[in-house]
Amino acid sequence: MTNGLGRSRRVEEALTLYDEMRTRGIAPDLYTYNSLIPNIGLAGMVEQAGRIYEQLQLLGLEPDVFTYNALIPLYGTSGDSDHAIAVYKNMMVGGCIPNVGTFAQLPNQT
């Protein structure tokens, strides 16, 4: 449901649903986080997407290639290439194997 709301550009509603889930003791799963992060970022809420990523980690969920592939372009397109590269490095340190999409989204290094 959060994914459908986010893809429909109803990001505030998706965040409200996410908060309601947590309030009711329903633990969001990795799919929920992986749908929220890119949709929030596409709405221009890059910092909020980063906070959602931090909450995912605090819950002990292990980010996967989809999580990282959602974060990297958000930082890259917002002008924060250094943060995008840092996310990629964290991905590698964490043992997550990048895919073709990961490499395609990395900002160019000059």
PDB file of N, CA and C in Angstrom:
ATOM      1  N   MET A   1       0.817  -1.181   0.000  1.00  0.00           N
ATOM      2  CA  MET A   1       0.000   0.000   0.000  1.00  0.00           C
ATOM      3  C   MET A   1       0.878   1.269   0.000  1.00  0.00           C
ATOM      4  N   THR A   2       1.950   1.247   0.793  1.00  0.00           N
ATOM      5  CA  THR A   2       2.838   2.412   0.805  1.00  0.00           C
ATOM      6  C   THR A   2       3.458   2.622  -0.574  1.00  0.00           C
ATOM      7  N   ASN A   3       3.743   1.528  -1.265  1.00  0.00           N
ATOM      8  CA  ASN A   3       4.330   1.639  -2.598  1.00  0.00           C
ATOM      9  C   ASN A   3       3.341   2.275  -3.569  1.00  0.00           C
ATOM     10  N   GLY A   4       2.099   1.831  -3.538  1.00  0.00           N
ATOM     11  CA  GLY A   4       1.086   2.391  -4.423  1.00  0.00           C
ATOM     12  C   GLY A   4       0.858   3.869  -4.170  1.00  0.00           C
ATOM     13  N   LEU A   5       0.824   4.243  -2.904  1.00  0.00           N
ATOM     14  CA  LEU A   5       0.654   5.660  -2.571  1.00  0.00           C
ATOM     15  C   LEU A   5       1.850   6.473  -3.050  1.00  0.00           C
ATOM     16  N   GLY A   6       3.032   5.962  -2.813  1.00  0.00           N
ATOM     17  CA  GLY A   6       4.231   6.675  -3.224  1.00  0.00           C
ATOM     18  C   GLY A   6       4.322   6.827  -4.725  1.00  0.00           C
ATOM     19  N   ARG A   7       4.016   5.752  -5.444  1.00  0.00           N
ATOM     20  CA  ARG A   7       4.083   5.802  -6.906  1.00  0.00           C
ATOM     21  C   ARG A   7       3.024   6.724  -7.486  1.00  0.00           C
ATOM     22  N   SER A   8       1.961   6.942  -6.735  1.00  0.00           N
ATOM     23  CA  SER A   8       0.907   7.866  -7.165  1.00  0.00           C
ATOM     24  C   SER A   8       1.208   9.296  -6.724  1.00  0.00           C
ATOM     25  N   ARG A   9       2.430   9.505  -6.235  1.00  0.00           N
ATOM     26  CA  ARG A   9       2.890  10.814  -5.753  1.00  0.00           C
ATOM     27  C   ARG A   9       2.088  11.289  -4.542  1.00  0.00           C
ATOM     28  N   ARG A  10       1.571  10.341  -3.797  1.00  0.00           N
ATOM     29  CA  ARG A  10       0.859  10.641  -2.553  1.00  0.00           C
ATOM     30  C   ARG A  10       1.771  10.267  -1.385  1.00  0.00           C
ATOM     31  N   VAL A  11       2.944  10.889  -1.397  1.00  0.00           N
ATOM     32  CA  VAL A  11       4.018  10.535  -0.474  1.00  0.00           C
ATOM     33  C   VAL A  11       3.635  10.828   0.972  1.00  0.00           C
ATOM     34  N   GLU A  12       2.986  11.946   1.207  1.00  0.00           N
ATOM     35  CA  GLU A  12       2.588  12.277   2.586  1.00  0.00           C
ATOM     36  C   GLU A  12       1.652  11.199   3.145  1.00  0.00           C
ATOM     37  N   GLU A  13       0.757  10.697   2.309  1.00  0.00           N
ATOM     38  CA  GLU A  13      -0.146   9.628   2.747  1.00  0.00           C
ATOM     39  C   GLU A  13       0.629   8.337   3.013  1.00  0.00           C
ATOM     40  N   ALA A  14       1.628   8.062   2.185  1.00  0.00           N
ATOM     41  CA  ALA A  14       2.458   6.881   2.395  1.00  0.00           C
ATOM     42  C   ALA A  14       3.202   6.983   3.724  1.00  0.00           C
ATOM     43  N   LEU A  15       3.717   8.170   4.020  1.00  0.00           N
ATOM     44  CA  LEU A  15       4.419   8.374   5.298  1.00  0.00           C
ATOM     45  C   LEU A  15       3.456   8.271   6.480  1.00  0.00           C
ATOM     46  N   THR A  16       2.252   8.763   6.318  1.00  0.00           N
ATOM     47  CA  THR A  16       1.242   8.659   7.376  1.00  0.00           C
ATOM     48  C   THR A  16       0.918   7.193   7.642  1.00  0.00           C
ATOM     49  N   LEU A  17       0.756   6.418   6.570  1.00  0.00           N
ATOM     50  CA  LEU A  17       0.486   4.991   6.719  1.00  0.00           C
ATOM     51  C   LEU A  17       1.658   4.286   7.399  1.00  0.00           C
ATOM     52  N   TYR A  18       2.856   4.642   7.021  1.00  0.00           N
ATOM     53  CA  TYR A  18       4.062   4.085   7.639  1.00  0.00           C
ATOM     54  C   TYR A  18       4.082   4.389   9.142  1.00  0.00           C
ATOM     55  N   ASP A  19       3.814   5.638   9.497  1.00  0.00           N
ATOM     56  CA  ASP A  19       3.774   6.015  10.916  1.00  0.00           C
ATOM     57  C   ASP A  19       2.670   5.273  11.662  1.00  0.00           C
ATOM     58  N   GLU A  20       1.522   5.114  11.014  1.00  0.00           N
ATOM     59  CA  GLU A  20       0.406   4.406  11.637  1.00  0.00           C
ATOM     60  C   GLU A  20       0.757   2.934  11.872  1.00  0.00           C
ATOM     61  N   MET A  21       1.434   2.333  10.923  1.00  0.00           N
ATOM     62  CA  MET A  21       1.876   0.942  11.093  1.00  0.00           C
ATOM     63  C   MET A  21       2.726   0.823  12.350  1.00  0.00           C
ATOM     64  N   ARG A  22       3.691   1.709  12.464  1.00  0.00           N
ATOM     65  CA  ARG A  22       4.602   1.651  13.610  1.00  0.00           C
ATOM     66  C   ARG A  22       3.865   1.921  14.921  1.00  0.00           C
ATOM     67  N   THR A  23       2.931   2.865  14.900  1.00  0.00           N
ATOM     68  CA  THR A  23       2.162   3.189  16.098  1.00  0.00           C
ATOM     69  C   THR A  23       1.339   1.985  16.567  1.00  0.00           C
ATOM     70  N   ARG A  24       0.830   1.221  15.618  1.00  0.00           N
ATOM     71  CA  ARG A  24      -0.002   0.056  15.941  1.00  0.00           C
ATOM     72  C   ARG A  24       0.812  -1.204  16.214  1.00  0.00           C
ATOM     73  N   GLY A  25       2.131  -1.070  16.216  1.00  0.00           N
ATOM     74  CA  GLY A  25       2.984  -2.206  16.517  1.00  0.00           C
ATOM     75  C   GLY A  25       3.212  -3.138  15.341  1.00  0.00           C
ATOM     76  N   ILE A  26       2.920  -2.662  14.136  1.00  0.00           N
ATOM     77  CA  ILE A  26       3.163  -3.457  12.934  1.00  0.00           C
ATOM     78  C   ILE A  26       4.536  -3.060  12.399  1.00  0.00           C
ATOM     79  N   ALA A  27       5.455  -3.996  12.431  1.00  0.00           N
ATOM     80  CA  ALA A  27       6.820  -3.697  11.998  1.00  0.00           C
ATOM     81  C   ALA A  27       6.896  -3.682  10.472  1.00  0.00           C
ATOM     82  N   PRO A  28       7.267  -2.547   9.900  1.00  0.00           N
ATOM     83  CA  PRO A  28       7.453  -2.514   8.450  1.00  0.00           C
ATOM     84  C   PRO A  28       8.563  -3.481   8.043  1.00  0.00           C
ATOM     85  N   ASP A  29       8.371  -4.142   6.915  1.00  0.00           N
ATOM     86  CA  ASP A  29       9.394  -5.061   6.418  1.00  0.00           C
ATOM     87  C   ASP A  29      10.288  -4.346   5.407  1.00  0.00           C
ATOM     88  N   LEU A  30      11.266  -5.070   4.910  1.00  0.00           N
ATOM     89  CA  LEU A  30      12.229  -4.472   3.982  1.00  0.00           C
ATOM     90  C   LEU A  30      11.535  -3.966   2.715  1.00  0.00           C
ATOM     91  N   TYR A  31      10.521  -4.691   2.258  1.00  0.00           N
ATOM     92  CA  TYR A  31       9.786  -4.251   1.069  1.00  0.00           C
ATOM     93  C   TYR A  31       9.160  -2.870   1.303  1.00  0.00           C
ATOM     94  N   THR A  32       8.600  -2.670   2.487  1.00  0.00           N
ATOM     95  CA  THR A  32       8.004  -1.372   2.816  1.00  0.00           C
ATOM     96  C   THR A  32       9.054  -0.270   2.734  1.00  0.00           C
ATOM     97  N   TYR A  33      10.211  -0.508   3.327  1.00  0.00           N
ATOM     98  CA  TYR A  33      11.280   0.484   3.290  1.00  0.00           C
ATOM     99  C   TYR A  33      11.785   0.709   1.870  1.00  0.00           C
ATOM    100  N   ASN A  34      11.928  -0.385   1.120  1.00  0.00           N
ATOM    101  CA  ASN A  34      12.422  -0.258  -0.249  1.00  0.00           C
ATOM    102  C   ASN A  34      11.437   0.453  -1.165  1.00  0.00           C
ATOM    103  N   SER A  35      10.175   0.478  -0.799  1.00  0.00           N
ATOM    104  CA  SER A  35       9.204   1.229  -1.593  1.00  0.00           C
ATOM    105  C   SER A  35       9.131   2.686  -1.134  1.00  0.00           C
ATOM    106  N   LEU A  36       9.319   2.911   0.147  1.00  0.00           N
ATOM    107  CA  LEU A  36       9.252   4.283   0.659  1.00  0.00           C
ATOM    108  C   LEU A  36      10.451   5.125   0.227  1.00  0.00           C
ATOM    109  N   ILE A  37      11.638   4.580   0.329  1.00  0.00           N
ATOM    110  CA  ILE A  37      12.860   5.358   0.105  1.00  0.00           C
ATOM    111  C   ILE A  37      12.881   6.035  -1.270  1.00  0.00           C
ATOM    112  N   PRO A  38      12.688   5.307  -2.361  1.00  0.00           N
ATOM    113  CA  PRO A  38      12.764   6.001  -3.661  1.00  0.00           C
ATOM    114  C   PRO A  38      11.622   6.977  -3.888  1.00  0.00           C
ATOM    115  N   ASN A  39      10.437   6.621  -3.427  1.00  0.00           N
ATOM    116  CA  ASN A  39       9.289   7.499  -3.643  1.00  0.00           C
ATOM    117  C   ASN A  39       9.408   8.797  -2.850  1.00  0.00           C
ATOM    118  N   ILE A  40       9.918   8.699  -1.645  1.00  0.00           N
ATOM    119  CA  ILE A  40      10.146   9.899  -0.834  1.00  0.00           C
ATOM    120  C   ILE A  40      11.223  10.758  -1.483  1.00  0.00           C
ATOM    121  N   GLY A  41      12.278  10.106  -1.934  1.00  0.00           N
ATOM    122  CA  GLY A  41      13.359  10.844  -2.583  1.00  0.00           C
ATOM    123  C   GLY A  41      12.920  11.523  -3.859  1.00  0.00           C
ATOM    124  N   LEU A  42      12.112  10.839  -4.663  1.00  0.00           N
ATOM    125  CA  LEU A  42      11.627  11.430  -5.907  1.00  0.00           C
ATOM    126  C   LEU A  42      10.737  12.641  -5.650  1.00  0.00           C
ATOM    127  N   ALA A  43      10.134  12.678  -4.472  1.00  0.00           N
ATOM    128  CA  ALA A  43       9.311  13.819  -4.093  1.00  0.00           C
ATOM    129  C   ALA A  43      10.169  14.970  -3.587  1.00  0.00           C
ATOM    130  N   GLY A  44      11.498  14.799  -3.656  1.00  0.00           N
ATOM    131  CA  GLY A  44      12.404  15.859  -3.227  1.00  0.00           C
ATOM    132  C   GLY A  44      12.716  15.839  -1.749  1.00  0.00           C
ATOM    133  N   MET A  45      12.328  14.785  -1.065  1.00  0.00           N
ATOM    134  CA  MET A  45      12.520  14.677   0.376  1.00  0.00           C
ATOM    135  C   MET A  45      13.704  13.749   0.667  1.00  0.00           C
ATOM    136  N   VAL A  46      14.870  14.118   0.147  1.00  0.00           N
ATOM    137  CA  VAL A  46      16.049  13.258   0.220  1.00  0.00           C
ATOM    138  C   VAL A  46      16.472  13.021   1.667  1.00  0.00           C
ATOM    139  N   GLU A  47      16.444  14.053   2.485  1.00  0.00           N
ATOM    140  CA  GLU A  47      16.827  13.884   3.894  1.00  0.00           C
ATOM    141  C   GLU A  47      15.880  12.927   4.603  1.00  0.00           C
ATOM    142  N   GLN A  48      14.593  13.038   4.314  1.00  0.00           N
ATOM    143  CA  GLN A  48      13.601  12.137   4.908  1.00  0.00           C
ATOM    144  C   GLN A  48      13.864  10.695   4.460  1.00  0.00           C
ATOM    145  N   ALA A  49      14.223  10.509   3.187  1.00  0.00           N
ATOM    146  CA  ALA A  49      14.556   9.170   2.688  1.00  0.00           C
ATOM    147  C   ALA A  49      15.747   8.606   3.457  1.00  0.00           C
ATOM    148  N   GLY A  50      16.735   9.456   3.735  1.00  0.00           N
ATOM    149  CA  GLY A  50      17.887   9.026   4.530  1.00  0.00           C
ATOM    150  C   GLY A  50      17.493   8.624   5.939  1.00  0.00           C
ATOM    151  N   ARG A  51      16.558   9.349   6.528  1.00  0.00           N
ATOM    152  CA  ARG A  51      16.087   8.994   7.880  1.00  0.00           C
ATOM    153  C   ARG A  51      15.326   7.659   7.869  1.00  0.00           C
ATOM    154  N   ILE A  52      14.557   7.437   6.816  1.00  0.00           N
ATOM    155  CA  ILE A  52      13.847   6.162   6.693  1.00  0.00           C
ATOM    156  C   ILE A  52      14.867   5.014   6.604  1.00  0.00           C
ATOM    157  N   TYR A  53      15.937   5.241   5.843  1.00  0.00           N
ATOM    158  CA  TYR A  53      17.003   4.245   5.741  1.00  0.00           C
ATOM    159  C   TYR A  53      17.628   3.980   7.116  1.00  0.00           C
ATOM    160  N   GLU A  54      17.866   5.021   7.883  1.00  0.00           N
ATOM    161  CA  GLU A  54      18.431   4.854   9.225  1.00  0.00           C
ATOM    162  C   GLU A  54      17.484   4.049  10.117  1.00  0.00           C
ATOM    163  N   GLN A  55      16.176   4.287   9.999  1.00  0.00           N
ATOM    164  CA  GLN A  55      15.206   3.542  10.807  1.00  0.00           C
ATOM    165  C   GLN A  55      15.216   2.063  10.440  1.00  0.00           C
ATOM    166  N   LEU A  56      15.361   1.785   9.166  1.00  0.00           N
ATOM    167  CA  LEU A  56      15.469   0.406   8.693  1.00  0.00           C
ATOM    168  C   LEU A  56      16.621  -0.290   9.419  1.00  0.00           C
ATOM    169  N   GLN A  57      17.751   0.376   9.479  1.00  0.00           N
ATOM    170  CA  GLN A  57      18.923  -0.204  10.127  1.00  0.00           C
ATOM    171  C   GLN A  57      18.716  -0.355  11.632  1.00  0.00           C
ATOM    172  N   LEU A  58      18.084   0.626  12.263  1.00  0.00           N
ATOM    173  CA  LEU A  58      17.843   0.555  13.701  1.00  0.00           C
ATOM    174  C   LEU A  58      16.961  -0.628  14.073  1.00  0.00           C
ATOM    175  N   LEU A  59      16.082  -1.016  13.157  1.00  0.00           N
ATOM    176  CA  LEU A  59      15.217  -2.168  13.403  1.00  0.00           C
ATOM    177  C   LEU A  59      15.938  -3.496  13.174  1.00  0.00           C
ATOM    178  N   GLY A  60      17.190  -3.416  12.717  1.00  0.00           N
ATOM    179  CA  GLY A  60      17.956  -4.633  12.486  1.00  0.00           C
ATOM    180  C   GLY A  60      17.711  -5.271  11.133  1.00  0.00           C
ATOM    181  N   LEU A  61      17.024  -4.555  10.245  1.00  0.00           N
ATOM    182  CA  LEU A  61      16.821  -5.084   8.900  1.00  0.00           C
ATOM    183  C   LEU A  61      18.095  -4.891   8.092  1.00  0.00           C
ATOM    184  N   GLU A  62      18.386  -5.833   7.235  1.00  0.00           N
ATOM    185  CA  GLU A  62      19.590  -5.791   6.420  1.00  0.00           C
ATOM    186  C   GLU A  62      19.254  -5.186   5.058  1.00  0.00           C
ATOM    187  N   PRO A  63      19.817  -4.032   4.733  1.00  0.00           N
ATOM    188  CA  PRO A  63      19.561  -3.442   3.414  1.00  0.00           C
ATOM    189  C   PRO A  63      20.004  -4.392   2.310  1.00  0.00           C
ATOM    190  N   ASP A  64      19.271  -4.400   1.209  1.00  0.00           N
ATOM    191  CA  ASP A  64      19.653  -5.234   0.079  1.00  0.00           C
ATOM    192  C   ASP A  64      19.997  -4.352  -1.120  1.00  0.00           C
ATOM    193  N   VAL A  65      20.266  -4.960  -2.251  1.00  0.00           N
ATOM    194  CA  VAL A  65      20.674  -4.209  -3.435  1.00  0.00           C
ATOM    195  C   VAL A  65      19.593  -3.204  -3.843  1.00  0.00           C
ATOM    196  N   PHE A  66      18.331  -3.527  -3.609  1.00  0.00           N
ATOM    197  CA  PHE A  66      17.250  -2.607  -3.955  1.00  0.00           C
ATOM    198  C   PHE A  66      17.261  -1.378  -3.053  1.00  0.00           C
ATOM    199  N   THR A  67      17.609  -1.575  -1.793  1.00  0.00           N
ATOM    200  CA  THR A  67      17.718  -0.445  -0.864  1.00  0.00           C
ATOM    201  C   THR A  67      18.804   0.511  -1.329  1.00  0.00           C
ATOM    202  N   TYR A  68      19.963  -0.045  -1.602  1.00  0.00           N
ATOM    203  CA  TYR A  68      21.092   0.789  -2.033  1.00  0.00           C
ATOM    204  C   TYR A  68      20.833   1.420  -3.400  1.00  0.00           C
ATOM    205  N   ASN A  69      20.212   0.656  -4.295  1.00  0.00           N
ATOM    206  CA  ASN A  69      19.908   1.200  -5.619  1.00  0.00           C
ATOM    207  C   ASN A  69      18.843   2.288  -5.560  1.00  0.00           C
ATOM    208  N   ALA A  70      18.109   2.356  -4.489  1.00  0.00           N
ATOM    209  CA  ALA A  70      17.160   3.455  -4.284  1.00  0.00           C
ATOM    210  C   ALA A  70      17.875   4.687  -3.737  1.00  0.00           C
ATOM    211  N   LEU A  71      18.827   4.477  -2.846  1.00  0.00           N
ATOM    212  CA  LEU A  71      19.516   5.600  -2.198  1.00  0.00           C
ATOM    213  C   LEU A  71      20.545   6.289  -3.086  1.00  0.00           C
ATOM    214  N   ILE A  72      21.333   5.510  -3.793  1.00  0.00           N
ATOM    215  CA  ILE A  72      22.447   6.079  -4.565  1.00  0.00           C
ATOM    216  C   ILE A  72      21.992   7.170  -5.533  1.00  0.00           C
ATOM    217  N   PRO A  73      20.968   6.932  -6.362  1.00  0.00           N
ATOM    218  CA  PRO A  73      20.583   7.999  -7.301  1.00  0.00           C
ATOM    219  C   PRO A  73      19.944   9.203  -6.623  1.00  0.00           C
ATOM    220  N   LEU A  74      19.331   8.990  -5.465  1.00  0.00           N
ATOM    221  CA  LEU A  74      18.731  10.130  -4.761  1.00  0.00           C
ATOM    222  C   LEU A  74      19.804  11.138  -4.368  1.00  0.00           C
ATOM    223  N   TYR A  75      20.887  10.622  -3.824  1.00  0.00           N
ATOM    224  CA  TYR A  75      21.968  11.524  -3.439  1.00  0.00           C
ATOM    225  C   TYR A  75      22.686  12.082  -4.656  1.00  0.00           C
ATOM    226  N   GLY A  76      22.893  11.244  -5.654  1.00  0.00           N
ATOM    227  CA  GLY A  76      23.587  11.687  -6.860  1.00  0.00           C
ATOM    228  C   GLY A  76      22.842  12.794  -7.588  1.00  0.00           C
ATOM    229  N   THR A  77      21.539  12.637  -7.739  1.00  0.00           N
ATOM    230  CA  THR A  77      20.764  13.651  -8.465  1.00  0.00           C
ATOM    231  C   THR A  77      20.493  14.902  -7.636  1.00  0.00           C
ATOM    232  N   SER A  78      20.643  14.787  -6.321  1.00  0.00           N
ATOM    233  CA  SER A  78      20.434  15.969  -5.484  1.00  0.00           C
ATOM    234  C   SER A  78      21.718  16.783  -5.339  1.00  0.00           C
ATOM    235  N   GLY A  79      22.780  16.347  -6.036  1.00  0.00           N
ATOM    236  CA  GLY A  79      24.037  17.080  -5.998  1.00  0.00           C
ATOM    237  C   GLY A  79      24.990  16.639  -4.916  1.00  0.00           C
ATOM    238  N   ASP A  80      24.651  15.568  -4.214  1.00  0.00           N
ATOM    239  CA  ASP A  80      25.503  15.084  -3.129  1.00  0.00           C
ATOM    240  C   ASP A  80      26.205  13.797  -3.566  1.00  0.00           C
ATOM    241  N   SER A  81      27.063  13.925  -4.574  1.00  0.00           N
ATOM    242  CA  SER A  81      27.770  12.763  -5.119  1.00  0.00           C
ATOM    243  C   SER A  81      28.614  12.053  -4.077  1.00  0.00           C
ATOM    244  N   ASP A  82      29.199  12.810  -3.163  1.00  0.00           N
ATOM    245  CA  ASP A  82      30.027  12.194  -2.125  1.00  0.00           C
ATOM    246  C   ASP A  82      29.203  11.242  -1.263  1.00  0.00           C
ATOM    247  N   HIS A  83      27.977  11.646  -0.947  1.00  0.00           N
ATOM    248  CA  HIS A  83      27.102  10.794  -0.140  1.00  0.00           C
ATOM    249  C   HIS A  83      26.691   9.558  -0.940  1.00  0.00           C
ATOM    250  N   ALA A  84      26.437   9.732  -2.237  1.00  0.00           N
ATOM    251  CA  ALA A  84      26.093   8.589  -3.091  1.00  0.00           C
ATOM    252  C   ALA A  84      27.224   7.569  -3.098  1.00  0.00           C
ATOM    253  N   ILE A  85      28.460   8.043  -3.217  1.00  0.00           N
ATOM    254  CA  ILE A  85      29.621   7.148  -3.206  1.00  0.00           C
ATOM    255  C   ILE A  85      29.775   6.494  -1.840  1.00  0.00           C
ATOM    256  N   ALA A  86      29.508   7.244  -0.772  1.00  0.00           N
ATOM    257  CA  ALA A  86      29.595   6.681   0.581  1.00  0.00           C
ATOM    258  C   ALA A  86      28.576   5.552   0.760  1.00  0.00           C
ATOM    259  N   VAL A  87      27.376   5.730   0.208  1.00  0.00           N
ATOM    260  CA  VAL A  87      26.362   4.675   0.282  1.00  0.00           C
ATOM    261  C   VAL A  87      26.868   3.430  -0.451  1.00  0.00           C
ATOM    262  N   TYR A  88      27.450   3.633  -1.615  1.00  0.00           N
ATOM    263  CA  TYR A  88      28.013   2.510  -2.378  1.00  0.00           C
ATOM    264  C   TYR A  88      29.102   1.796  -1.566  1.00  0.00           C
ATOM    265  N   LYS A  89      29.973   2.562  -0.946  1.00  0.00           N
ATOM    266  CA  LYS A  89      31.049   1.955  -0.142  1.00  0.00           C
ATOM    267  C   LYS A  89      30.472   1.181   1.042  1.00  0.00           C
ATOM    268  N   ASN A  90      29.435   1.731   1.681  1.00  0.00           N
ATOM    269  CA  ASN A  90      28.774   1.019   2.783  1.00  0.00           C
ATOM    270  C   ASN A  90      28.159  -0.285   2.287  1.00  0.00           C
ATOM    271  N   MET A  91      27.623  -0.235   1.084  1.00  0.00           N
ATOM    272  CA  MET A  91      27.046  -1.423   0.469  1.00  0.00           C
ATOM    273  C   MET A  91      28.107  -2.518   0.355  1.00  0.00           C
ATOM    274  N   MET A  92      29.264  -2.135  -0.150  1.00  0.00           N
ATOM    275  CA  MET A  92      30.345  -3.098  -0.349  1.00  0.00           C
ATOM    276  C   MET A  92      30.862  -3.627   0.990  1.00  0.00           C
ATOM    277  N   VAL A  93      31.049  -2.735   1.957  1.00  0.00           N
ATOM    278  CA  VAL A  93      31.533  -3.149   3.274  1.00  0.00           C
ATOM    279  C   VAL A  93      30.534  -4.103   3.936  1.00  0.00           C
ATOM    280  N   GLY A  94      29.244  -3.849   3.712  1.00  0.00           N
ATOM    281  CA  GLY A  94      28.209  -4.691   4.294  1.00  0.00           C
ATOM    282  C   GLY A  94      28.029  -6.027   3.597  1.00  0.00           C
ATOM    283  N   GLY A  95      28.769  -6.237   2.508  1.00  0.00           N
ATOM    284  CA  GLY A  95      28.706  -7.514   1.826  1.00  0.00           C
ATOM    285  C   GLY A  95      27.574  -7.649   0.827  1.00  0.00           C
ATOM    286  N   CYS A  96      26.939  -6.546   0.491  1.00  0.00           N
ATOM    287  CA  CYS A  96      25.862  -6.580  -0.495  1.00  0.00           C
ATOM    288  C   CYS A  96      26.474  -6.475  -1.891  1.00  0.00           C
ATOM    289  N   ILE A  97      26.124  -7.390  -2.747  1.00  0.00           N
ATOM    290  CA  ILE A  97      26.689  -7.442  -4.096  1.00  0.00           C
ATOM    291  C   ILE A  97      25.953  -6.458  -5.004  1.00  0.00           C
ATOM    292  N   PRO A  98      26.672  -5.505  -5.585  1.00  0.00           N
ATOM    293  CA  PRO A  98      26.029  -4.570  -6.509  1.00  0.00           C
ATOM    294  C   PRO A  98      25.616  -5.280  -7.796  1.00  0.00           C
ATOM    295  N   ASN A  99      24.645  -4.705  -8.488  1.00  0.00           N
ATOM    296  CA  ASN A  99      24.247  -5.244  -9.780  1.00  0.00           C
ATOM    297  C   ASN A  99      24.467  -4.176 -10.857  1.00  0.00           C
ATOM    298  N   VAL A 100      24.065  -4.468 -12.065  1.00  0.00           N
ATOM    299  CA  VAL A 100      24.251  -3.536 -13.179  1.00  0.00           C
ATOM    300  C   VAL A 100      23.580  -2.200 -12.862  1.00  0.00           C
ATOM    301  N   GLY A 101      22.404  -2.259 -12.244  1.00  0.00           N
ATOM    302  CA  GLY A 101      21.695  -1.025 -11.888  1.00  0.00           C
ATOM    303  C   GLY A 101      22.482  -0.169 -10.923  1.00  0.00           C
ATOM    304  N   THR A 102      23.190  -0.795 -10.025  1.00  0.00           N
ATOM    305  CA  THR A 102      24.005  -0.058  -9.059  1.00  0.00           C
ATOM    306  C   THR A 102      25.065   0.755  -9.784  1.00  0.00           C
ATOM    307  N   PHE A 103      25.788   0.102 -10.682  1.00  0.00           N
ATOM    308  CA  PHE A 103      26.871   0.773 -11.384  1.00  0.00           C
ATOM    309  C   PHE A 103      26.342   1.867 -12.301  1.00  0.00           C
ATOM    310  N   ALA A 104      25.178   1.642 -12.875  1.00  0.00           N
ATOM    311  CA  ALA A 104      24.592   2.641 -13.778  1.00  0.00           C
ATOM    312  C   ALA A 104      24.181   3.903 -13.027  1.00  0.00           C
ATOM    313  N   GLN A 105      23.906   3.783 -11.748  1.00  0.00           N
ATOM    314  CA  GLN A 105      23.427   4.912 -10.962  1.00  0.00           C
ATOM    315  C   GLN A 105      24.525   5.671 -10.226  1.00  0.00           C
ATOM    316  N   LEU A 106      25.712   5.114 -10.198  1.00  0.00           N
ATOM    317  CA  LEU A 106      26.804   5.796  -9.510  1.00  0.00           C
ATOM    318  C   LEU A 106      27.154   7.084 -10.238  1.00  0.00           C
ATOM    319  N   PRO A 107      27.383   8.157  -9.480  1.00  0.00           N
ATOM    320  CA  PRO A 107      27.786   9.401 -10.135  1.00  0.00           C
ATOM    321  C   PRO A 107      29.177   9.250 -10.743  1.00  0.00           C
ATOM    322  N   ASN A 108      29.420   9.973 -11.820  1.00  0.00           N
ATOM    323  CA  ASN A 108      30.733   9.960 -12.466  1.00  0.00           C
ATOM    324  C   ASN A 108      31.765  10.563 -11.536  1.00  0.00           C
ATOM    325  N   GLN A 109      32.909   9.933 -11.456  1.00  0.00           N
ATOM    326  CA  GLN A 109      34.006  10.441 -10.638  1.00  0.00           C
ATOM    327  C   GLN A 109      34.972  11.200 -11.535  1.00  0.00           C
ATOM    328  N   THR A 110      35.294  12.403 -11.156  1.00  0.00           N
ATOM    329  CA  THR A 110      36.243  13.193 -11.948  1.00  0.00           C
ATOM    330  C   THR A 110      37.531  13.378 -11.197  1.00  0.00           C
TER     331      THR A 110
END
